[in-house]
Amino acid sequence: MECLHETRREMITALNVSGSCSSLSCFLHPMWQEPLDIPGGDRQSPIDIVVRKSVFDPQLRPLKVQYDPRTCQQIWNNGYSFLVEYDDTTDKSTLKGGPLEDQFRLCQFHFHWGENNAWGSEHSIDRRLYPAELHLVHWNSDKYSLFEEAVIEENGLAVIAVFLKIGKRHEGLQKLVDALPAVRHKDSVVEFTKFDPACLLPEKIDDYWTYAGSLTTPPLTEAVTWIVMKHRVVVLLAMQGQRALGFHQKSVVLVKWYILVCCKGISFFMHETAQCLSLLIGF
């Protein structure tokens, strides 16, 4: 008998709640100068996706991803991670379809990872974390003129999240790896062109979860439609010691955000300063 694959596009209708809490205080991102409550309401990200509670939605459409490698411009070390930035002044690299009613422009992608390969992703699946998580960040160009406008609006951003797991060398990322030593220090920028971010996506991009959430770092605005890929991308990951490629504790403070506890739909975070951190893909 032939086995047919059914594409599953599922909506997460509510944030998953576990545990209990009595305080809204948290450990703070370095951008905050003093303790304060986490801003936002009932759609803070990241979340733990409970598979059995996700709901198949036949109204969700396939994603339409169109990336032009020529829009890739540079790699920037912002002091917390590195961002690969794209020219978003035109509709050459866009995302639409899926849960989105409008067209969104790609502006950058970045990774989240941890001190070791046991954890590193921001989202989790049935409480399982992955070594790393890729975020491709897009903003609504149909409704807003600039990213800075979109980031504070409810329907302003769309982020594709891809889990990375350890396995074989990823040929598509070798060019990025080769460029990382040039952004060794905070605020360093290096020209980086003709990189197709589609190589970072799994083959089956129409299997995904989606939910309305927020940015995971300040300003934590609840502006994000999250599209979390069900299929993982296999890479070769290695976390090194003080000789970590491009990132050293004295030159860059690297922060990992992860779920500490969820209470009444609000995700609480703590941060951990990584003594060293490198994403060596293909080494």
Protein backbone atom coordinates (compact mmCIF):
# COMPACT_ATOMS: atom_id res chain seq x y z
CA MET A 1 0.00 0.00 0.00
CA GLU A 2 1.30 3.43 -0.91
CA CYS A 3 1.89 5.70 2.05
CA LEU A 4 0.66 9.22 1.38
CA HIS A 5 2.04 12.21 3.21
CA GLU A 6 -0.46 14.76 4.42
CA THR A 7 0.85 18.26 4.89
CA ARG A 8 0.01 19.44 8.38
CA ARG A 9 -0.31 23.15 8.99
CA GLU A 10 -1.45 23.63 12.55
CA MET A 11 -2.57 26.60 14.57
CA ILE A 12 -1.65 27.04 18.19
CA THR A 13 -4.66 28.76 19.69
CA ALA A 14 -3.36 29.39 23.20
CA LEU A 15 -0.06 29.55 24.98
CA ASN A 16 0.82 26.45 26.94
CA VAL A 17 0.79 26.92 30.68
CA SER A 18 2.75 24.87 33.18
CA GLY A 19 3.76 25.28 36.79
CA SER A 20 2.79 28.10 39.10
CA CYS A 21 4.29 31.42 40.02
CA SER A 22 3.84 34.21 42.50
CA SER A 23 6.07 36.90 41.03
CA LEU A 24 6.39 38.59 37.67
CA SER A 25 10.03 39.52 38.20
CA CYS A 26 12.78 38.03 36.07
CA PHE A 27 16.47 38.15 35.35
CA LEU A 28 17.06 41.02 32.99
CA HIS A 29 18.43 41.50 29.54
CA PRO A 30 21.46 43.85 29.63
CA MET A 31 19.39 46.50 27.81
CA TRP A 32 17.36 46.90 31.00
CA GLN A 33 19.04 48.86 33.80
CA GLU A 34 16.93 47.80 36.77
CA PRO A 35 14.48 45.05 37.76
CA LEU A 36 11.03 45.43 36.33
CA ASP A 37 8.12 43.28 35.30
CA ILE A 38 8.07 41.73 31.86
CA PRO A 39 5.96 43.94 29.61
CA GLY A 40 3.25 42.57 27.41
CA GLY A 41 0.08 40.60 27.74
CA ASP A 42 -0.93 37.06 26.91
CA ARG A 43 1.14 36.43 23.77
CA GLN A 44 4.74 36.51 24.94
CA SER A 45 7.25 34.25 23.19
CA PRO A 46 8.85 31.76 23.13
CA ILE A 47 6.50 28.96 24.14
CA ASP A 48 6.54 25.23 24.59
CA ILE A 49 4.54 23.75 21.72
CA VAL A 50 2.43 20.85 22.97
CA VAL A 51 1.85 18.79 19.85
CA ARG A 52 -1.35 17.10 20.97
CA LYS A 53 -2.90 20.49 21.70
CA SER A 54 -2.11 21.99 18.31
CA VAL A 55 -5.09 22.15 15.97
CA PHE A 56 -5.04 21.31 12.27
CA ASP A 57 -6.36 24.30 10.33
CA PRO A 58 -7.38 23.56 6.72
CA GLN A 59 -7.60 27.30 6.07
CA LEU A 60 -3.86 27.74 6.45
CA ARG A 61 -2.17 28.04 3.08
CA PRO A 62 1.23 26.95 1.81
CA LEU A 63 4.04 29.41 2.41
CA LYS A 64 5.38 31.41 -0.52
CA VAL A 65 9.03 32.23 0.05
CA GLN A 66 10.92 34.28 -2.53
CA TYR A 67 14.45 35.23 -1.57
CA ASP A 68 16.89 37.04 -3.85
CA PRO A 69 20.50 36.31 -2.79
CA ARG A 70 21.54 39.66 -4.26
CA THR A 71 19.71 41.46 -1.43
CA CYS A 72 22.14 40.05 1.15
CA GLN A 73 24.32 42.91 2.38
CA GLN A 74 26.35 42.33 5.53
CA ILE A 75 26.99 40.53 8.80
CA TRP A 76 26.76 42.66 11.94
CA ASN A 77 27.91 41.74 15.44
CA ASN A 78 25.44 43.64 17.64
CA GLY A 79 27.04 42.61 20.92
CA TYR A 80 24.67 39.74 21.63
CA SER A 81 24.83 37.72 18.44
CA PHE A 82 25.52 38.15 14.76
CA LEU A 83 22.86 39.23 12.26
CA VAL A 84 22.94 38.62 8.53
CA GLU A 85 21.17 41.66 7.11
CA TYR A 86 19.29 42.11 3.82
CA ASP A 87 18.22 45.06 1.71
CA ASP A 88 14.55 45.49 2.58
CA THR A 89 13.82 48.63 0.55
CA THR A 90 12.18 46.61 -2.24
CA ASP A 91 10.04 43.49 -2.57
CA LYS A 92 12.85 41.27 -3.81
CA SER A 93 13.05 38.98 -0.76
CA THR A 94 9.58 38.30 0.58
CA LEU A 95 7.35 35.95 2.52
CA LYS A 96 3.60 35.54 2.08
CA GLY A 97 0.93 32.87 2.29
CA GLY A 98 0.52 30.54 5.23
CA PRO A 99 -1.21 32.42 8.06
CA LEU A 100 -0.25 35.79 6.54
CA GLU A 101 -2.71 38.06 4.77
CA ASP A 102 -0.04 40.55 3.70
CA GLN A 103 3.40 40.47 2.14
CA PHE A 104 6.45 40.62 4.42
CA ARG A 105 10.02 41.59 3.53
CA LEU A 106 13.05 39.75 4.86
CA CYS A 107 15.31 42.08 6.84
CA GLN A 108 17.69 39.72 8.68
CA PHE A 109 18.31 36.29 10.10
CA HIS A 110 20.15 35.17 13.22
CA PHE A 111 20.65 32.15 15.45
CA HIS A 112 20.01 31.32 19.09
CA TRP A 113 22.18 28.70 20.76
CA GLY A 114 23.49 27.71 24.17
CA GLU A 115 26.67 26.81 26.02
CA ASN A 116 26.47 23.21 24.88
CA ASN A 117 24.55 21.01 22.47
CA ALA A 118 22.00 19.91 25.07
CA TRP A 119 19.98 23.09 24.73
CA GLY A 120 20.01 26.27 22.72
CA SER A 121 16.67 26.71 20.99
CA GLU A 122 14.18 29.25 22.29
CA HIS A 123 11.02 27.34 21.47
CA SER A 124 10.58 23.77 22.62
CA ILE A 125 8.43 20.90 21.37
CA ASP A 126 6.76 18.91 24.14
CA ARG A 127 9.43 20.38 26.43
CA ARG A 128 12.23 19.17 24.19
CA LEU A 129 14.89 21.73 23.33
CA TYR A 130 17.19 21.62 20.31
CA PRO A 131 20.85 22.63 19.99
CA ALA A 132 20.03 25.82 18.10
CA GLU A 133 17.22 27.78 16.50
CA LEU A 134 17.29 29.94 13.39
CA HIS A 135 15.06 33.02 13.06
CA LEU A 136 14.34 34.65 9.70
CA VAL A 137 12.78 38.02 10.47
CA HIS A 138 10.32 39.69 8.09
CA TRP A 139 8.21 42.86 8.39
CA ASN A 140 4.84 43.79 6.89
CA SER A 141 5.62 45.95 3.86
CA ASP A 142 1.98 46.14 2.76
CA LYS A 143 0.96 48.11 5.83
CA TYR A 144 4.14 49.86 6.97
CA SER A 145 6.96 51.82 5.38
CA LEU A 146 9.78 50.77 7.70
CA PHE A 147 10.76 47.93 10.00
CA GLU A 148 10.80 50.42 12.88
CA GLU A 149 7.10 51.08 12.33
CA ALA A 150 6.15 47.44 11.94
CA VAL A 151 7.94 46.24 15.07
CA ILE A 152 5.45 47.98 17.38
CA GLU A 153 2.30 46.89 15.57
CA GLU A 154 0.22 43.77 16.21
CA ASN A 155 0.57 42.45 12.67
CA GLY A 156 3.97 43.95 12.00
CA LEU A 157 6.38 41.01 11.91
CA ALA A 158 6.56 37.43 10.71
CA VAL A 159 9.36 35.17 11.89
CA ILE A 160 10.18 31.74 10.52
CA ALA A 161 11.77 29.56 13.19
CA VAL A 162 13.84 26.52 12.24
CA PHE A 163 15.26 24.02 14.72
CA LEU A 164 18.81 22.82 14.08
CA LYS A 165 19.96 19.37 15.09
CA ILE A 166 23.41 17.84 15.02
CA GLY A 167 24.37 15.54 12.20
CA LYS A 168 26.23 16.14 8.99
CA ARG A 169 28.01 19.08 7.42
CA HIS A 170 25.69 21.71 5.92
CA GLU A 171 27.24 22.86 2.67
CA GLY A 172 24.95 25.88 2.32
CA LEU A 173 26.28 27.48 5.50
CA GLN A 174 29.99 27.16 4.81
CA LYS A 175 30.17 30.63 3.25
CA LEU A 176 28.68 32.12 6.42
CA VAL A 177 31.08 30.21 8.64
CA ASP A 178 34.04 31.45 6.65
CA ALA A 179 32.95 35.06 7.17
CA LEU A 180 32.45 34.92 10.95
CA PRO A 181 36.04 35.68 12.01
CA ALA A 182 35.64 39.13 10.45
CA VAL A 183 32.93 40.04 12.98
CA ARG A 184 34.94 39.00 16.02
CA HIS A 185 34.18 42.12 18.06
CA LYS A 186 31.08 44.02 19.08
CA ASP A 187 29.78 46.45 16.44
CA SER A 188 31.99 44.98 13.74
CA VAL A 189 30.45 44.72 10.28
CA VAL A 190 31.63 42.86 7.21
CA GLU A 191 30.23 42.87 3.69
CA PHE A 192 28.43 39.63 2.95
CA THR A 193 26.70 39.20 -0.39
CA LYS A 194 24.87 36.71 -2.57
CA PHE A 195 23.73 34.42 0.22
CA ASP A 196 20.42 32.63 -0.35
CA PRO A 197 18.68 32.14 3.02
CA ALA A 198 16.41 29.54 1.43
CA CYS A 199 19.25 27.06 1.93
CA LEU A 200 18.57 27.30 5.67
CA LEU A 201 14.99 26.07 5.34
CA PRO A 202 13.90 22.43 5.52
CA GLU A 203 12.76 20.78 2.30
CA LYS A 204 9.14 20.61 3.46
CA ILE A 205 8.28 24.16 4.48
CA ASP A 206 4.53 23.57 4.37
CA ASP A 207 4.60 21.56 7.59
CA TYR A 208 4.54 24.16 10.34
CA TRP A 209 2.98 25.42 13.54
CA THR A 210 1.87 29.02 13.79
CA TYR A 211 0.78 31.30 16.61
CA ALA A 212 0.55 34.99 17.50
CA GLY A 213 3.46 35.91 19.75
CA SER A 214 6.12 38.47 20.54
CA LEU A 215 9.76 39.33 20.13
CA THR A 216 11.89 37.26 22.49
CA THR A 217 14.25 40.12 23.37
CA PRO A 218 13.49 43.74 24.27
CA PRO A 219 11.27 45.51 23.46
CA LEU A 220 9.25 42.22 23.62
CA THR A 221 6.50 43.77 21.50
CA GLU A 222 3.61 41.46 20.70
CA ALA A 223 3.99 42.03 16.99
CA VAL A 224 5.06 38.63 15.70
CA THR A 225 3.29 35.93 13.73
CA TRP A 226 5.47 32.92 14.44
CA ILE A 227 5.84 30.18 11.82
CA VAL A 228 7.69 27.29 13.43
CA MET A 229 8.95 24.62 11.04
CA LYS A 230 8.15 21.04 12.01
CA HIS A 231 11.07 19.61 10.08
CA ARG A 232 14.56 20.19 11.44
CA VAL A 233 17.68 21.14 9.53
CA VAL A 234 20.72 18.97 10.13
CA VAL A 235 24.03 20.76 10.65
CA LEU A 236 27.39 20.08 12.22
CA LEU A 237 27.50 22.07 15.44
CA ALA A 238 30.43 22.42 17.82
CA MET A 239 30.67 24.56 20.92
CA GLN A 240 34.29 25.46 21.58
CA GLY A 241 36.20 26.84 24.57
CA GLN A 242 37.82 30.24 24.97
CA ARG A 243 39.05 29.96 21.40
CA ALA A 244 35.46 30.13 20.17
CA LEU A 245 35.28 31.38 16.62
CA GLY A 246 34.69 35.09 16.50
CA PHE A 247 33.13 35.53 19.93
CA HIS A 248 35.00 35.98 23.19
CA GLN A 249 33.61 36.80 26.61
CA LYS A 250 35.66 39.97 26.99
CA SER A 251 34.59 41.42 23.66
CA VAL A 252 31.00 40.25 23.41
CA VAL A 253 28.40 39.45 26.05
CA LEU A 254 26.28 36.68 24.62
CA VAL A 255 22.86 36.07 26.08
CA LYS A 256 20.68 33.01 25.81
CA TRP A 257 17.01 33.49 26.51
CA TYR A 258 14.90 30.50 27.39
CA ILE A 259 11.63 29.65 29.08
CA LEU A 260 11.87 29.59 32.87
CA VAL A 261 8.21 29.12 33.63
CA CYS A 262 4.89 29.95 32.03
CA CYS A 263 2.04 31.34 34.07
CA LYS A 264 -1.30 32.58 32.82
CA GLY A 265 -0.06 32.76 29.28
CA ILE A 266 3.00 34.89 30.07
CA SER A 267 6.40 33.42 29.33
CA PHE A 268 9.11 34.19 31.87
CA PHE A 269 12.73 34.23 30.89
CA MET A 270 16.12 34.20 32.48
CA HIS A 271 19.38 34.83 30.73
CA GLU A 272 22.67 33.06 30.94
CA THR A 273 25.89 34.73 29.90
CA ALA A 274 27.86 32.35 27.75
CA GLN A 275 31.55 32.20 28.60
CA CYS A 276 32.17 31.26 25.03
CA LEU A 277 30.01 30.59 22.09
CA SER A 278 30.55 29.63 18.52
CA LEU A 279 28.43 28.26 15.77
CA LEU A 280 30.74 26.12 13.70
CA ILE A 281 28.71 24.73 10.88
CA GLY A 282 30.64 22.52 8.55
CA PHE A 283 33.80 22.34 10.67
